Amino acid sequence: MNNYLRVKQVAASIGVSQSTIWRWVSEGILPQPLHLTPRTSVWRSADIETAIEKMAGEGVAV
């Protein structure tokens, strides 16, 4: 079963601000979210975990 995270949850789990999450999305560091409505975006938790592992492997401080 997929768990979905809102931007606030993603930011809290990584320890960065919500604006950093959106910047990382625009820079391609994090995957694009799924858009449930025009104002509601979510990410699959597995996609975020994969992105964090990739960042750690590349030496990006999280």
N, C-alpha and C. Protein backbone atom coordinates (compact mmCIF):
# COMPACT_ATOMS: atom_id res chain seq x y z
N MET A 1 0.84 -1.19 0.00
CA MET A 1 0.00 0.00 0.00
C MET A 1 0.88 1.25 0.00
N ASN A 2 0.53 2.20 -0.81
CA ASN A 2 1.28 3.45 -0.89
C ASN A 2 0.87 4.40 0.21
N ASN A 3 1.86 5.03 0.81
CA ASN A 3 1.59 6.12 1.74
C ASN A 3 1.90 7.41 1.00
N TYR A 4 1.06 8.40 1.19
CA TYR A 4 1.24 9.68 0.53
C TYR A 4 1.52 10.76 1.55
N LEU A 5 2.40 11.69 1.17
CA LEU A 5 2.82 12.76 2.06
C LEU A 5 2.53 14.11 1.44
N ARG A 6 2.04 15.03 2.25
CA ARG A 6 1.85 16.42 1.81
C ARG A 6 3.18 17.14 1.99
N VAL A 7 3.29 18.34 1.44
CA VAL A 7 4.55 19.07 1.46
C VAL A 7 5.03 19.32 2.89
N LYS A 8 4.12 19.60 3.79
CA LYS A 8 4.51 19.83 5.19
C LYS A 8 5.15 18.58 5.79
N GLN A 9 4.61 17.43 5.48
CA GLN A 9 5.15 16.17 6.00
C GLN A 9 6.50 15.85 5.39
N VAL A 10 6.65 16.11 4.09
CA VAL A 10 7.93 15.87 3.43
C VAL A 10 9.00 16.77 4.04
N ALA A 11 8.68 18.03 4.21
CA ALA A 11 9.64 18.98 4.80
C ALA A 11 10.05 18.56 6.21
N ALA A 12 9.08 18.15 7.00
CA ALA A 12 9.38 17.73 8.37
C ALA A 12 10.23 16.47 8.40
N SER A 13 9.96 15.55 7.50
CA SER A 13 10.72 14.30 7.50
C SER A 13 12.16 14.49 7.07
N ILE A 14 12.41 15.50 6.21
CA ILE A 14 13.77 15.77 5.76
C ILE A 14 14.46 16.79 6.67
N GLY A 15 13.67 17.64 7.32
CA GLY A 15 14.23 18.65 8.20
C GLY A 15 14.58 19.94 7.48
N VAL A 16 13.78 20.26 6.46
CA VAL A 16 13.98 21.51 5.71
C VAL A 16 12.65 22.25 5.64
N SER A 17 12.67 23.45 5.11
CA SER A 17 11.44 24.23 4.98
C SER A 17 10.63 23.77 3.78
N GLN A 18 9.36 24.17 3.77
CA GLN A 18 8.49 23.84 2.64
C GLN A 18 8.99 24.51 1.36
N SER A 19 9.52 25.72 1.49
CA SER A 19 10.03 26.40 0.29
C SER A 19 11.24 25.66 -0.29
N THR A 20 12.04 25.03 0.57
CA THR A 20 13.16 24.22 0.08
C THR A 20 12.65 23.02 -0.70
N ILE A 21 11.58 22.40 -0.21
CA ILE A 21 10.99 21.27 -0.93
C ILE A 21 10.60 21.70 -2.34
N TRP A 22 9.89 22.82 -2.46
CA TRP A 22 9.46 23.29 -3.77
C TRP A 22 10.64 23.68 -4.66
N ARG A 23 11.69 24.24 -4.06
CA ARG A 23 12.89 24.59 -4.83
C ARG A 23 13.56 23.31 -5.35
N TRP A 24 13.67 22.30 -4.49
CA TRP A 24 14.27 21.04 -4.90
C TRP A 24 13.46 20.36 -6.00
N VAL A 25 12.14 20.49 -5.95
CA VAL A 25 11.30 19.95 -7.01
C VAL A 25 11.61 20.67 -8.33
N SER A 26 11.69 21.99 -8.28
CA SER A 26 11.96 22.75 -9.51
C SER A 26 13.36 22.48 -10.05
N GLU A 27 14.30 22.14 -9.16
CA GLU A 27 15.67 21.83 -9.58
C GLU A 27 15.84 20.37 -9.98
N GLY A 28 14.79 19.55 -9.81
CA GLY A 28 14.87 18.15 -10.18
C GLY A 28 15.49 17.25 -9.12
N ILE A 29 15.74 17.79 -7.94
CA ILE A 29 16.33 17.00 -6.85
C ILE A 29 15.28 16.06 -6.27
N LEU A 30 14.07 16.56 -6.11
CA LEU A 30 12.94 15.74 -5.66
C LEU A 30 11.99 15.55 -6.83
N PRO A 31 11.25 14.44 -6.82
CA PRO A 31 10.30 14.19 -7.93
C PRO A 31 9.12 15.15 -7.90
N GLN A 32 8.49 15.31 -9.04
CA GLN A 32 7.27 16.11 -9.13
C GLN A 32 6.19 15.42 -8.28
N PRO A 33 5.36 16.20 -7.62
CA PRO A 33 4.28 15.61 -6.83
C PRO A 33 3.11 15.19 -7.73
N LEU A 34 2.24 14.41 -7.15
CA LEU A 34 0.96 14.09 -7.78
C LEU A 34 0.01 15.20 -7.38
N HIS A 35 -0.77 15.70 -8.32
CA HIS A 35 -1.71 16.79 -8.03
C HIS A 35 -3.11 16.21 -7.89
N LEU A 36 -3.61 16.19 -6.66
CA LEU A 36 -4.96 15.68 -6.40
C LEU A 36 -6.01 16.72 -6.79
N THR A 37 -5.72 17.97 -6.50
CA THR A 37 -6.54 19.11 -6.89
C THR A 37 -5.56 20.23 -7.24
N PRO A 38 -6.03 21.34 -7.76
CA PRO A 38 -5.08 22.43 -8.07
C PRO A 38 -4.30 22.92 -6.85
N ARG A 39 -4.83 22.72 -5.66
CA ARG A 39 -4.15 23.20 -4.45
C ARG A 39 -3.66 22.08 -3.53
N THR A 40 -3.76 20.84 -3.98
CA THR A 40 -3.35 19.71 -3.15
C THR A 40 -2.37 18.82 -3.90
N SER A 41 -1.16 18.79 -3.40
CA SER A 41 -0.11 17.97 -4.01
C SER A 41 0.40 16.98 -2.98
N VAL A 42 0.72 15.77 -3.45
CA VAL A 42 1.25 14.73 -2.57
C VAL A 42 2.38 14.00 -3.28
N TRP A 43 3.22 13.37 -2.48
CA TRP A 43 4.28 12.52 -3.00
C TRP A 43 4.11 11.13 -2.41
N ARG A 44 4.49 10.11 -3.16
CA ARG A 44 4.54 8.76 -2.60
C ARG A 44 5.73 8.72 -1.65
N SER A 45 5.54 8.16 -0.47
CA SER A 45 6.63 8.12 0.51
C SER A 45 7.83 7.35 -0.04
N ALA A 46 7.59 6.31 -0.82
CA ALA A 46 8.69 5.54 -1.40
C ALA A 46 9.52 6.40 -2.36
N ASP A 47 8.87 7.30 -3.11
CA ASP A 47 9.60 8.19 -4.02
C ASP A 47 10.48 9.16 -3.25
N ILE A 48 9.99 9.65 -2.12
CA ILE A 48 10.78 10.56 -1.29
C ILE A 48 11.96 9.82 -0.67
N GLU A 49 11.73 8.60 -0.18
CA GLU A 49 12.82 7.81 0.40
C GLU A 49 13.92 7.55 -0.64
N THR A 50 13.52 7.23 -1.86
CA THR A 50 14.48 7.00 -2.94
C THR A 50 15.28 8.26 -3.23
N ALA A 51 14.60 9.40 -3.28
CA ALA A 51 15.28 10.67 -3.55
C ALA A 51 16.28 11.01 -2.43
N ILE A 52 15.89 10.76 -1.19
CA ILE A 52 16.79 11.03 -0.06
C ILE A 52 18.03 10.14 -0.14
N GLU A 53 17.84 8.86 -0.47
CA GLU A 53 18.97 7.94 -0.60
C GLU A 53 19.90 8.40 -1.72
N LYS A 54 19.33 8.86 -2.82
CA LYS A 54 20.14 9.36 -3.95
C LYS A 54 20.92 10.60 -3.53
N MET A 55 20.26 11.50 -2.79
CA MET A 55 20.95 12.71 -2.32
C MET A 55 22.10 12.35 -1.40
N ALA A 56 21.89 11.39 -0.51
CA ALA A 56 22.94 10.97 0.42
C ALA A 56 24.11 10.36 -0.35
N GLY A 57 23.79 9.57 -1.38
CA GLY A 57 24.84 8.95 -2.18
C GLY A 57 25.66 9.96 -2.97
N GLU A 58 25.04 11.10 -3.30
CA GLU A 58 25.74 12.15 -4.04
C GLU A 58 26.41 13.15 -3.11
N GLY A 59 26.27 12.95 -1.81
CA GLY A 59 26.90 13.84 -0.86
C GLY A 59 26.17 15.12 -0.60
N VAL A 60 24.88 15.18 -0.95
CA VAL A 60 24.07 16.37 -0.69
C VAL A 60 23.65 16.33 0.77
N ALA A 61 23.93 17.39 1.51
CA ALA A 61 23.56 17.45 2.93
C ALA A 61 22.06 17.60 3.06
N VAL A 62 21.49 16.71 3.83
CA VAL A 62 20.04 16.75 4.08
C VAL A 62 19.81 17.04 5.54
